[in-house]
PDB file of all heavy atoms in Angstrom:
ATOM      1  N   GLU A   1       0.831  -1.230   0.009  1.00  0.00           N
ATOM      2  CA  GLU A   1      -0.018   0.004   0.005  1.00  0.00           C
ATOM      3  C   GLU A   1       0.874   1.254  -0.009  1.00  0.00           C
ATOM      4  O   GLU A   1       0.611   2.236  -0.749  1.00  0.00           O
ATOM      5  CB  GLU A   1      -0.891  -0.011   1.219  1.00  0.00           C
ATOM      6  CG  GLU A   1      -2.112  -0.990   1.136  1.00  0.00           C
ATOM      7  CD  GLU A   1      -3.064  -0.607   0.000  1.00  0.00           C
ATOM      8  OE1 GLU A   1      -3.324   0.612  -0.152  1.00  0.00           O
ATOM      9  OE2 GLU A   1      -3.571  -1.518  -0.639  1.00  0.00           O
ATOM     10  N   GLN A   2       1.886   1.254   0.860  1.00  0.00           N
ATOM     11  CA  GLN A   2       2.763   2.444   0.870  1.00  0.00           C
ATOM     12  C   GLN A   2       3.488   2.652  -0.449  1.00  0.00           C
ATOM     13  O   GLN A   2       3.633   3.822  -0.896  1.00  0.00           O
ATOM     14  CB  GLN A   2       3.800   2.289   2.009  1.00  0.00           C
ATOM     15  CG  GLN A   2       3.180   2.384   3.440  1.00  0.00           C
ATOM     16  CD  GLN A   2       4.195   2.089   4.518  1.00  0.00           C
ATOM     17  OE1 GLN A   2       5.207   1.455   4.253  1.00  0.00           O
ATOM     18  NE2 GLN A   2       3.877   2.538   5.685  1.00  0.00           N
ATOM     19  N   SER A   3       3.895   1.562  -1.082  1.00  0.00           N
ATOM     20  CA  SER A   3       4.586   1.710  -2.362  1.00  0.00           C
ATOM     21  C   SER A   3       3.635   2.162  -3.435  1.00  0.00           C
ATOM     22  O   SER A   3       4.043   2.996  -4.305  1.00  0.00           O
ATOM     23  CB  SER A   3       5.158   0.341  -2.778  1.00  0.00           C
ATOM     24  OG  SER A   3       6.120  -0.121  -1.829  1.00  0.00           O
ATOM     25  N   GLU A   4       2.410   1.713  -3.431  1.00  0.00           N
ATOM     26  CA  GLU A   4       1.409   2.218  -4.413  1.00  0.00           C
ATOM     27  C   GLU A   4       1.115   3.698  -4.207  1.00  0.00           C
ATOM     28  O   GLU A   4       1.059   4.481  -5.231  1.00  0.00           O
ATOM     29  CB  GLU A   4       0.118   1.392  -4.272  1.00  0.00           C
ATOM     30  CG  GLU A   4       0.202  -0.064  -4.686  1.00  0.00           C
ATOM     31  CD  GLU A   4      -0.952  -0.898  -4.316  1.00  0.00           C
ATOM     32  OE1 GLU A   4      -1.758  -0.437  -3.476  1.00  0.00           O
ATOM     33  OE2 GLU A   4      -1.122  -2.015  -4.871  1.00  0.00           O
ATOM     34  N   ILE A   5       1.011   4.102  -2.951  1.00  0.00           N
ATOM     35  CA  ILE A   5       0.759   5.512  -2.715  1.00  0.00           C
ATOM     36  C   ILE A   5       1.949   6.362  -3.216  1.00  0.00           C
ATOM     37  O   ILE A   5       1.750   7.440  -3.740  1.00  0.00           O
ATOM     38  CB  ILE A   5       0.507   5.752  -1.201  1.00  0.00           C
ATOM     39  CG1 ILE A   5      -0.828   5.110  -0.802  1.00  0.00           C
ATOM     40  CG2 ILE A   5       0.551   7.219  -0.845  1.00  0.00           C
ATOM     41  CD1 ILE A   5      -1.066   5.078   0.713  1.00  0.00           C
ATOM     42  N   ALA A   6       3.165   5.900  -2.957  1.00  0.00           N
ATOM     43  CA  ALA A   6       4.383   6.598  -3.436  1.00  0.00           C
ATOM     44  C   ALA A   6       4.398   6.779  -4.962  1.00  0.00           C
ATOM     45  O   ALA A   6       4.779   7.833  -5.442  1.00  0.00           O
ATOM     46  CB  ALA A   6       5.612   5.938  -2.890  1.00  0.00           C
ATOM     47  N   VAL A   7       4.011   5.698  -5.654  1.00  0.00           N
ATOM     48  CA  VAL A   7       4.012   5.770  -7.111  1.00  0.00           C
ATOM     49  C   VAL A   7       2.959   6.795  -7.557  1.00  0.00           C
ATOM     50  O   VAL A   7       3.212   7.634  -8.473  1.00  0.00           O
ATOM     51  CB  VAL A   7       3.685   4.382  -7.710  1.00  0.00           C
ATOM     52  CG1 VAL A   7       3.457   4.460  -9.205  1.00  0.00           C
ATOM     53  CG2 VAL A   7       4.849   3.419  -7.422  1.00  0.00           C
ATOM     54  N   GLU A   8       1.791   6.736  -7.021  1.00  0.00           N
ATOM     55  CA  GLU A   8       0.731   7.666  -7.414  1.00  0.00           C
ATOM     56  C   GLU A   8       1.114   9.140  -7.104  1.00  0.00           C
ATOM     57  O   GLU A   8       0.903  10.058  -7.910  1.00  0.00           O
ATOM     58  CB  GLU A   8      -0.567   7.322  -6.741  1.00  0.00           C
ATOM     59  CG  GLU A   8      -1.175   5.992  -7.199  1.00  0.00           C
ATOM     60  CD  GLU A   8      -2.361   5.531  -6.362  1.00  0.00           C
ATOM     61  OE1 GLU A   8      -2.519   6.029  -5.230  1.00  0.00           O
ATOM     62  OE2 GLU A   8      -3.069   4.638  -6.805  1.00  0.00           O
ATOM     63  N   GLU A   9       1.738   9.356  -5.961  1.00  0.00           N
ATOM     64  CA  GLU A   9       2.127  10.700  -5.579  1.00  0.00           C
ATOM     65  C   GLU A   9       3.241  11.221  -6.536  1.00  0.00           C
ATOM     66  O   GLU A   9       3.222  12.367  -6.893  1.00  0.00           O
ATOM     67  CB  GLU A   9       2.602  10.670  -4.104  1.00  0.00           C
ATOM     68  CG  GLU A   9       3.012  12.051  -3.579  1.00  0.00           C
ATOM     69  CD  GLU A   9       4.531  12.223  -3.572  1.00  0.00           C
ATOM     70  OE1 GLU A   9       5.223  11.286  -3.835  1.00  0.00           O
ATOM     71  OE2 GLU A   9       4.935  13.413  -3.364  1.00  0.00           O
ATOM     72  N   ALA A  10       4.176  10.327  -6.859  1.00  0.00           N
ATOM     73  CA  ALA A  10       5.263  10.716  -7.754  1.00  0.00           C
ATOM     74  C   ALA A  10       4.705  11.066  -9.163  1.00  0.00           C
ATOM     75  O   ALA A  10       5.153  11.995  -9.820  1.00  0.00           O
ATOM     76  CB  ALA A  10       6.317   9.619  -7.866  1.00  0.00           C
ATOM     77  N   GLN A  11       3.721  10.293  -9.616  1.00  0.00           N
ATOM     78  CA  GLN A  11       3.093  10.614 -10.907  1.00  0.00           C
ATOM     79  C   GLN A  11       2.462  11.974 -10.887  1.00  0.00           C
ATOM     80  O   GLN A  11       2.644  12.740 -11.847  1.00  0.00           O
ATOM     81  CB  GLN A  11       2.011   9.531 -11.241  1.00  0.00           C
ATOM     82  CG  GLN A  11       2.581   8.206 -11.648  1.00  0.00           C
ATOM     83  CD  GLN A  11       1.505   7.263 -12.125  1.00  0.00           C
ATOM     84  OE1 GLN A  11       1.673   6.595 -13.149  1.00  0.00           O
ATOM     85  NE2 GLN A  11       0.397   7.139 -11.438  1.00  0.00           N
ATOM     86  N   GLU A  12       1.769  12.353  -9.846  1.00  0.00           N
ATOM     87  CA  GLU A  12       1.137  13.676  -9.739  1.00  0.00           C
ATOM     88  C   GLU A  12       2.208  14.719  -9.695  1.00  0.00           C
ATOM     89  O   GLU A  12       2.017  15.795 -10.306  1.00  0.00           O
ATOM     90  CB  GLU A  12       0.219  13.746  -8.506  1.00  0.00           C
ATOM     91  CG  GLU A  12      -0.951  12.739  -8.609  1.00  0.00           C
ATOM     92  CD  GLU A  12      -1.800  12.728  -7.335  1.00  0.00           C
ATOM     93  OE1 GLU A  12      -1.386  13.381  -6.374  1.00  0.00           O
ATOM     94  OE2 GLU A  12      -2.801  11.985  -7.326  1.00  0.00           O
ATOM     95  N   ARG A  13       3.299  14.506  -8.922  1.00  0.00           N
ATOM     96  CA  ARG A  13       4.337  15.500  -8.842  1.00  0.00           C
ATOM     97  C   ARG A  13       5.015  15.737 -10.183  1.00  0.00           C
ATOM     98  O   ARG A  13       5.423  16.885 -10.495  1.00  0.00           O
ATOM     99  CB  ARG A  13       5.363  15.089  -7.769  1.00  0.00           C
ATOM    100  CG  ARG A  13       4.939  15.383  -6.360  1.00  0.00           C
ATOM    101  CD  ARG A  13       6.171  15.438  -5.445  1.00  0.00           C
ATOM    102  NE  ARG A  13       6.754  14.168  -5.244  1.00  0.00           N
ATOM    103  CZ  ARG A  13       8.045  13.909  -5.436  1.00  0.00           C
ATOM    104  NH1 ARG A  13       8.859  14.845  -5.882  1.00  0.00           N
ATOM    105  NH2 ARG A  13       8.551  12.711  -5.260  1.00  0.00           N
ATOM    106  N   ILE A  14       5.186  14.686 -10.972  1.00  0.00           N
ATOM    107  CA  ILE A  14       5.805  14.880 -12.303  1.00  0.00           C
ATOM    108  C   ILE A  14       4.990  15.764 -13.153  1.00  0.00           C
ATOM    109  O   ILE A  14       5.486  16.697 -13.787  1.00  0.00           O
ATOM    110  CB  ILE A  14       6.001  13.476 -12.969  1.00  0.00           C
ATOM    111  CG1 ILE A  14       7.123  12.686 -12.255  1.00  0.00           C
ATOM    112  CG2 ILE A  14       6.344  13.664 -14.425  1.00  0.00           C
ATOM    113  CD1 ILE A  14       7.273  11.300 -12.757  1.00  0.00           C
ATOM    114  N   GLN A  15       3.674  15.563 -13.181  1.00  0.00           N
ATOM    115  CA  GLN A  15       2.791  16.402 -14.027  1.00  0.00           C
ATOM    116  C   GLN A  15       2.800  17.835 -13.525  1.00  0.00           C
ATOM    117  O   GLN A  15       2.860  18.762 -14.384  1.00  0.00           O
ATOM    118  CB  GLN A  15       1.389  15.815 -13.967  1.00  0.00           C
ATOM    119  CG  GLN A  15       1.261  14.417 -14.567  1.00  0.00           C
ATOM    120  CD  GLN A  15      -0.072  13.752 -14.324  1.00  0.00           C
ATOM    121  OE1 GLN A  15      -0.958  14.323 -13.687  1.00  0.00           O
ATOM    122  NE2 GLN A  15      -0.288  12.523 -14.842  1.00  0.00           N
ATOM    123  N   ALA A  16       2.790  18.042 -12.260  1.00  0.00           N
ATOM    124  CA  ALA A  16       2.837  19.386 -11.712  1.00  0.00           C
ATOM    125  C   ALA A  16       4.211  20.028 -12.017  1.00  0.00           C
ATOM    126  O   ALA A  16       4.288  21.232 -12.337  1.00  0.00           O
ATOM    127  CB  ALA A  16       2.608  19.401 -10.200  1.00  0.00           C
ATOM    128  N   ALA A  17       5.282  19.278 -11.912  1.00  0.00           N
ATOM    129  CA  ALA A  17       6.638  19.798 -12.154  1.00  0.00           C
ATOM    130  C   ALA A  17       6.836  20.159 -13.591  1.00  0.00           C
ATOM    131  O   ALA A  17       7.460  21.186 -13.947  1.00  0.00           O
ATOM    132  CB  ALA A  17       7.667  18.807 -11.716  1.00  0.00           C
ATOM    133  N   GLN A  18       6.255  19.356 -14.501  1.00  0.00           N
ATOM    134  CA  GLN A  18       6.382  19.647 -15.925  1.00  0.00           C
ATOM    135  C   GLN A  18       5.662  21.001 -16.275  1.00  0.00           C
ATOM    136  O   GLN A  18       6.139  21.810 -17.071  1.00  0.00           O
ATOM    137  CB  GLN A  18       5.827  18.524 -16.759  1.00  0.00           C
ATOM    138  CG  GLN A  18       6.697  17.324 -16.706  1.00  0.00           C
ATOM    139  CD  GLN A  18       6.113  16.101 -17.414  1.00  0.00           C
ATOM    140  OE1 GLN A  18       4.894  16.052 -17.705  1.00  0.00           O
ATOM    141  NE2 GLN A  18       6.931  15.095 -17.761  1.00  0.00           N
ATOM    142  N   ALA A  19       4.472  21.192 -15.705  1.00  0.00           N
ATOM    143  CA  ALA A  19       3.806  22.465 -15.889  1.00  0.00           C
ATOM    144  C   ALA A  19       4.573  23.621 -15.282  1.00  0.00           C
ATOM    145  O   ALA A  19       4.662  24.730 -15.812  1.00  0.00           O
ATOM    146  CB  ALA A  19       2.392  22.397 -15.247  1.00  0.00           C
ATOM    147  N   LEU A  20       5.221  23.403 -14.084  1.00  0.00           N
ATOM    148  CA  LEU A  20       6.039  24.376 -13.500  1.00  0.00           C
ATOM    149  C   LEU A  20       7.238  24.772 -14.368  1.00  0.00           C
ATOM    150  O   LEU A  20       7.594  25.989 -14.476  1.00  0.00           O
ATOM    151  CB  LEU A  20       6.503  23.890 -12.098  1.00  0.00           C
ATOM    152  CG  LEU A  20       7.425  24.860 -11.309  1.00  0.00           C
ATOM    153  CD1 LEU A  20       6.695  26.148 -11.021  1.00  0.00           C
ATOM    154  CD2 LEU A  20       7.861  24.164 -10.021  1.00  0.00           C
ATOM    155  N   VAL A  21       7.892  23.791 -14.958  1.00  0.00           N
ATOM    156  CA  VAL A  21       9.014  24.063 -15.840  1.00  0.00           C
ATOM    157  C   VAL A  21       8.600  24.954 -17.053  1.00  0.00           C
ATOM    158  O   VAL A  21       9.293  25.886 -17.422  1.00  0.00           O
ATOM    159  CB  VAL A  21       9.669  22.763 -16.325  1.00  0.00           C
ATOM    160  CG1 VAL A  21      10.677  23.049 -17.442  1.00  0.00           C
ATOM    161  CG2 VAL A  21      10.337  22.054 -15.139  1.00  0.00           C
ATOM    162  N   ALA A  22       7.450  24.587 -17.623  1.00  0.00           N
ATOM    163  CA  ALA A  22       6.967  25.372 -18.747  1.00  0.00           C
ATOM    164  C   ALA A  22       6.722  26.843 -18.357  1.00  0.00           C
ATOM    165  O   ALA A  22       7.075  27.756 -19.094  1.00  0.00           O
ATOM    166  CB  ALA A  22       5.701  24.728 -19.323  1.00  0.00           C
ATOM    167  N   SER A  23       6.097  27.041 -17.195  1.00  0.00           N
ATOM    168  CA  SER A  23       5.812  28.424 -16.758  1.00  0.00           C
ATOM    169  C   SER A  23       7.139  29.171 -16.454  1.00  0.00           C
ATOM    170  O   SER A  23       7.272  30.328 -16.748  1.00  0.00           O
ATOM    171  CB  SER A  23       4.953  28.380 -15.496  1.00  0.00           C
ATOM    172  OG  SER A  23       3.697  27.775 -15.795  1.00  0.00           O
ATOM    173  N   ALA A  24       8.079  28.446 -15.789  1.00  0.00           N
ATOM    174  CA  ALA A  24       9.367  29.065 -15.434  1.00  0.00           C
ATOM    175  C   ALA A  24      10.170  29.466 -16.705  1.00  0.00           C
ATOM    176  O   ALA A  24      10.808  30.509 -16.726  1.00  0.00           O
ATOM    177  CB  ALA A  24      10.173  28.153 -14.555  1.00  0.00           C
ATOM    178  N   GLN A  25      10.088  28.613 -17.687  1.00  0.00           N
ATOM    179  CA  GLN A  25      10.809  28.931 -18.943  1.00  0.00           C
ATOM    180  C   GLN A  25      10.235  30.190 -19.620  1.00  0.00           C
ATOM    181  O   GLN A  25      10.961  31.017 -20.104  1.00  0.00           O
ATOM    182  CB  GLN A  25      10.742  27.764 -19.896  1.00  0.00           C
ATOM    183  CG  GLN A  25      11.629  26.582 -19.524  1.00  0.00           C
ATOM    184  CD  GLN A  25      11.451  25.375 -20.377  1.00  0.00           C
ATOM    185  OE1 GLN A  25      10.336  25.223 -20.967  1.00  0.00           O
ATOM    186  NE2 GLN A  25      12.419  24.498 -20.435  1.00  0.00           N
ATOM    187  N   GLU A  26       8.867  30.262 -19.646  1.00  0.00           N
ATOM    188  CA  GLU A  26       8.257  31.468 -20.195  1.00  0.00           C
ATOM    189  C   GLU A  26       8.561  32.689 -19.426  1.00  0.00           C
ATOM    190  O   GLU A  26       8.852  33.795 -19.982  1.00  0.00           O
ATOM    191  CB  GLU A  26       6.751  31.218 -20.290  1.00  0.00           C
ATOM    192  CG  GLU A  26       5.947  32.403 -20.858  1.00  0.00           C
ATOM    193  CD  GLU A  26       6.360  32.697 -22.319  1.00  0.00           C
ATOM    194  OE1 GLU A  26       6.958  31.818 -23.030  1.00  0.00           O
ATOM    195  OE2 GLU A  26       5.999  33.769 -22.802  1.00  0.00           O
ATOM    196  N   ASN A  27       8.542  32.574 -18.104  1.00  0.00           N
ATOM    197  CA  ASN A  27       8.855  33.725 -17.213  1.00  0.00           C
ATOM    198  C   ASN A  27      10.282  34.169 -17.395  1.00  0.00           C
ATOM    199  O   ASN A  27      10.505  35.413 -17.468  1.00  0.00           O
ATOM    200  CB  ASN A  27       8.620  33.309 -15.760  1.00  0.00           C
ATOM    201  CG  ASN A  27       8.851  34.466 -14.811  1.00  0.00           C
ATOM    202  OD1 ASN A  27       8.335  35.571 -14.983  1.00  0.00           O
ATOM    203  ND2 ASN A  27       9.614  34.236 -13.766  1.00  0.00           N
ATOM    204  N   PHE A  28      11.199  33.230 -17.563  1.00  0.00           N
ATOM    205  CA  PHE A  28      12.606  33.650 -17.773  1.00  0.00           C
ATOM    206  C   PHE A  28      12.766  34.268 -19.121  1.00  0.00           C
ATOM    207  O   PHE A  28      13.534  35.212 -19.304  1.00  0.00           O
ATOM    208  CB  PHE A  28      13.496  32.392 -17.658  1.00  0.00           C
ATOM    209  CG  PHE A  28      14.955  32.706 -17.995  1.00  0.00           C
ATOM    210  CD1 PHE A  28      15.744  33.353 -17.090  1.00  0.00           C
ATOM    211  CD2 PHE A  28      15.488  32.262 -19.231  1.00  0.00           C
ATOM    212  CE1 PHE A  28      17.091  33.654 -17.381  1.00  0.00           C
ATOM    213  CE2 PHE A  28      16.833  32.545 -19.531  1.00  0.00           C
ATOM    214  CZ  PHE A  28      17.596  33.217 -18.577  1.00  0.00           C
ATOM    215  N   ARG A  29      12.054  33.738 -20.153  1.00  0.00           N
ATOM    216  CA  ARG A  29      12.180  34.353 -21.479  1.00  0.00           C
ATOM    217  C   ARG A  29      11.707  35.815 -21.491  1.00  0.00           C
ATOM    218  O   ARG A  29      12.322  36.712 -22.026  1.00  0.00           O
ATOM    219  CB  ARG A  29      11.360  33.542 -22.491  1.00  0.00           C
ATOM    220  CG  ARG A  29      11.492  33.987 -23.934  1.00  0.00           C
ATOM    221  CD  ARG A  29      10.547  33.241 -24.811  1.00  0.00           C
ATOM    222  NE  ARG A  29       9.142  33.555 -24.537  1.00  0.00           N
ATOM    223  CZ  ARG A  29       8.540  34.669 -24.990  1.00  0.00           C
ATOM    224  NH1 ARG A  29       9.180  35.539 -25.757  1.00  0.00           N
ATOM    225  NH2 ARG A  29       7.287  34.930 -24.687  1.00  0.00           N
ATOM    226  N   LEU A  30      10.598  36.057 -20.763  1.00  0.00           N
ATOM    227  CA  LEU A  30      10.094  37.412 -20.693  1.00  0.00           C
ATOM    228  C   LEU A  30      11.045  38.326 -19.901  1.00  0.00           C
ATOM    229  O   LEU A  30      11.299  39.476 -20.277  1.00  0.00           O
ATOM    230  CB  LEU A  30       8.707  37.426 -20.041  1.00  0.00           C
ATOM    231  CG  LEU A  30       7.600  36.732 -20.840  1.00  0.00           C
ATOM    232  CD1 LEU A  30       6.312  36.669 -19.996  1.00  0.00           C
ATOM    233  CD2 LEU A  30       7.372  37.454 -22.168  1.00  0.00           C
ATOM    234  N   ALA A  31      11.571  37.807 -18.780  1.00  0.00           N
ATOM    235  CA  ALA A  31      12.500  38.590 -17.982  1.00  0.00           C
ATOM    236  C   ALA A  31      13.751  38.927 -18.728  1.00  0.00           C
ATOM    237  O   ALA A  31      14.310  40.049 -18.652  1.00  0.00           O
ATOM    238  CB  ALA A  31      12.820  37.881 -16.662  1.00  0.00           C
ATOM    239  N   GLN A  32      14.240  37.913 -19.481  1.00  0.00           N
ATOM    240  CA  GLN A  32      15.459  38.141 -20.288  1.00  0.00           C
ATOM    241  C   GLN A  32      15.171  39.215 -21.346  1.00  0.00           C
ATOM    242  O   GLN A  32      16.030  40.096 -21.624  1.00  0.00           O
ATOM    243  CB  GLN A  32      15.842  36.823 -20.971  1.00  0.00           C
ATOM    244  CG  GLN A  32      17.189  36.875 -21.736  1.00  0.00           C
ATOM    245  CD  GLN A  32      18.374  36.935 -20.842  1.00  0.00           C
ATOM    246  OE1 GLN A  32      18.649  36.011 -20.127  1.00  0.00           O
ATOM    247  NE2 GLN A  32      19.145  38.007 -20.869  1.00  0.00           N
ATOM    248  N   GLY A  33      14.045  39.130 -22.003  1.00  0.00           N
ATOM    249  CA  GLY A  33      13.715  40.142 -23.013  1.00  0.00           C
ATOM    250  C   GLY A  33      13.573  41.528 -22.401  1.00  0.00           C
ATOM    251  O   GLY A  33      14.103  42.530 -23.015  1.00  0.00           O
ATOM    252  N   ARG A  34      12.935  41.690 -21.259  1.00  0.00           N
ATOM    253  CA  ARG A  34      12.818  43.002 -20.569  1.00  0.00           C
ATOM    254  C   ARG A  34      14.214  43.541 -20.188  1.00  0.00           C
ATOM    255  O   ARG A  34      14.465  44.716 -20.356  1.00  0.00           O
ATOM    256  CB  ARG A  34      11.944  42.884 -19.370  1.00  0.00           C
ATOM    257  CG  ARG A  34      10.429  42.682 -19.676  1.00  0.00           C
ATOM    258  CD  ARG A  34       9.650  42.328 -18.441  1.00  0.00           C
ATOM    259  NE  ARG A  34       9.796  43.317 -17.376  1.00  0.00           N
ATOM    260  CZ  ARG A  34       9.145  44.462 -17.348  1.00  0.00           C
ATOM    261  NH1 ARG A  34       8.312  44.757 -18.325  1.00  0.00           N
ATOM    262  NH2 ARG A  34       9.353  45.313 -16.379  1.00  0.00           N
ATOM    263  N   PHE A  35      15.105  42.623 -19.676  1.00  0.00           N
ATOM    264  CA  PHE A  35      16.438  43.092 -19.310  1.00  0.00           C
ATOM    265  C   PHE A  35      17.196  43.523 -20.496  1.00  0.00           C
ATOM    266  O   PHE A  35      17.858  44.550 -20.478  1.00  0.00           O
ATOM    267  CB  PHE A  35      17.122  41.938 -18.570  1.00  0.00           C
ATOM    268  CG  PHE A  35      18.458  42.340 -18.052  1.00  0.00           C
ATOM    269  CD1 PHE A  35      18.635  43.029 -16.904  1.00  0.00           C
ATOM    270  CD2 PHE A  35      19.653  41.915 -18.735  1.00  0.00           C
ATOM    271  CE1 PHE A  35      19.890  43.476 -16.404  1.00  0.00           C
ATOM    272  CE2 PHE A  35      20.887  42.302 -18.277  1.00  0.00           C
ATOM    273  CZ  PHE A  35      21.052  43.003 -17.091  1.00  0.00           C
ATOM    274  N   ASP A  36      17.168  42.747 -21.604  1.00  0.00           N
ATOM    275  CA  ASP A  36      17.927  43.112 -22.786  1.00  0.00           C
ATOM    276  C   ASP A  36      17.375  44.405 -23.375  1.00  0.00           C
ATOM    277  O   ASP A  36      18.139  45.184 -24.016  1.00  0.00           O
ATOM    278  CB  ASP A  36      17.824  41.987 -23.798  1.00  0.00           C
ATOM    279  CG  ASP A  36      18.551  40.755 -23.402  1.00  0.00           C
ATOM    280  OD1 ASP A  36      19.379  40.852 -22.483  1.00  0.00           O
ATOM    281  OD2 ASP A  36      18.262  39.648 -23.924  1.00  0.00           O
ATOM    282  N   ALA A  37      16.081  44.624 -23.183  1.00  0.00           N
ATOM    283  CA  ALA A  37      15.491  45.909 -23.750  1.00  0.00           C
ATOM    284  C   ALA A  37      15.747  47.108 -22.825  1.00  0.00           C
ATOM    285  O   ALA A  37      15.424  48.243 -23.196  1.00  0.00           O
ATOM    286  CB  ALA A  37      14.002  45.716 -23.972  1.00  0.00           C
ATOM    287  N   GLY A  38      16.296  46.851 -21.668  1.00  0.00           N
ATOM    288  CA  GLY A  38      16.607  47.929 -20.780  1.00  0.00           C
ATOM    289  C   GLY A  38      15.484  48.352 -19.877  1.00  0.00           C
ATOM    290  O   GLY A  38      15.603  49.357 -19.167  1.00  0.00           O
ATOM    291  N   VAL A  39      14.386  47.620 -19.871  1.00  0.00           N
ATOM    292  CA  VAL A  39      13.265  47.969 -19.013  1.00  0.00           C
ATOM    293  C   VAL A  39      13.104  47.052 -17.804  1.00  0.00           C
ATOM    294  O   VAL A  39      12.260  47.341 -16.912  1.00  0.00           O
ATOM    295  CB  VAL A  39      11.992  47.966 -19.814  1.00  0.00           C
ATOM    296  CG1 VAL A  39      11.961  49.064 -20.908  1.00  0.00           C
ATOM    297  CG2 VAL A  39      11.669  46.600 -20.402  1.00  0.00           C
ATOM    298  N   GLY A  40      13.846  45.939 -17.769  1.00  0.00           N
ATOM    299  CA  GLY A  40      13.812  45.035 -16.633  1.00  0.00           C
ATOM    300  C   GLY A  40      15.009  45.216 -15.737  1.00  0.00           C
ATOM    301  O   GLY A  40      16.070  45.700 -16.177  1.00  0.00           O
ATOM    302  N   THR A  41      14.897  44.749 -14.487  1.00  0.00           N
ATOM    303  CA  THR A  41      15.995  44.866 -13.563  1.00  0.00           C
ATOM    304  C   THR A  41      16.744  43.539 -13.449  1.00  0.00           C
ATOM    305  O   THR A  41      16.255  42.443 -13.846  1.00  0.00           O
ATOM    306  CB  THR A  41      15.502  45.226 -12.135  1.00  0.00           C
ATOM    307  OG1 THR A  41      14.690  44.141 -11.657  1.00  0.00           O
ATOM    308  CG2 THR A  41      14.673  46.507 -12.224  1.00  0.00           C
ATOM    309  N   ILE A  42      17.968  43.647 -12.904  1.00  0.00           N
ATOM    310  CA  ILE A  42      18.802  42.417 -12.724  1.00  0.00           C
ATOM    311  C   ILE A  42      18.179  41.514 -11.713  1.00  0.00           C
ATOM    312  O   ILE A  42      18.255  40.274 -11.798  1.00  0.00           O
ATOM    313  CB  ILE A  42      20.273  42.828 -12.329  1.00  0.00           C
ATOM    314  CG1 ILE A  42      21.107  41.587 -12.359  1.00  0.00           C
ATOM    315  CG2 ILE A  42      20.258  43.500 -10.995  1.00  0.00           C
ATOM    316  CD1 ILE A  42      21.327  41.006 -13.700  1.00  0.00           C
ATOM    317  N   LEU A  43      17.496  42.061 -10.704  1.00  0.00           N
ATOM    318  CA  LEU A  43      16.823  41.256  -9.679  1.00  0.00           C
ATOM    319  C   LEU A  43      15.694  40.477 -10.272  1.00  0.00           C
ATOM    320  O   LEU A  43      15.516  39.275  -9.947  1.00  0.00           O
ATOM    321  CB  LEU A  43      16.275  42.155  -8.580  1.00  0.00           C
ATOM    322  CG  LEU A  43      17.349  42.826  -7.707  1.00  0.00           C
ATOM    323  CD1 LEU A  43      16.680  43.741  -6.661  1.00  0.00           C
ATOM    324  CD2 LEU A  43      18.217  41.859  -7.005  1.00  0.00           C
TER     325      LEU A  43
END
């Protein structure tokens, strides 16, 4: 039972992590563009 729960939990975390990576990549792309354009900050 514990092993089954761990597998199901890991499956859900993978799906959430993949969505998080996609959002973080888009956020970084936008921040990089703003910084290169001189309107974004280094922070």
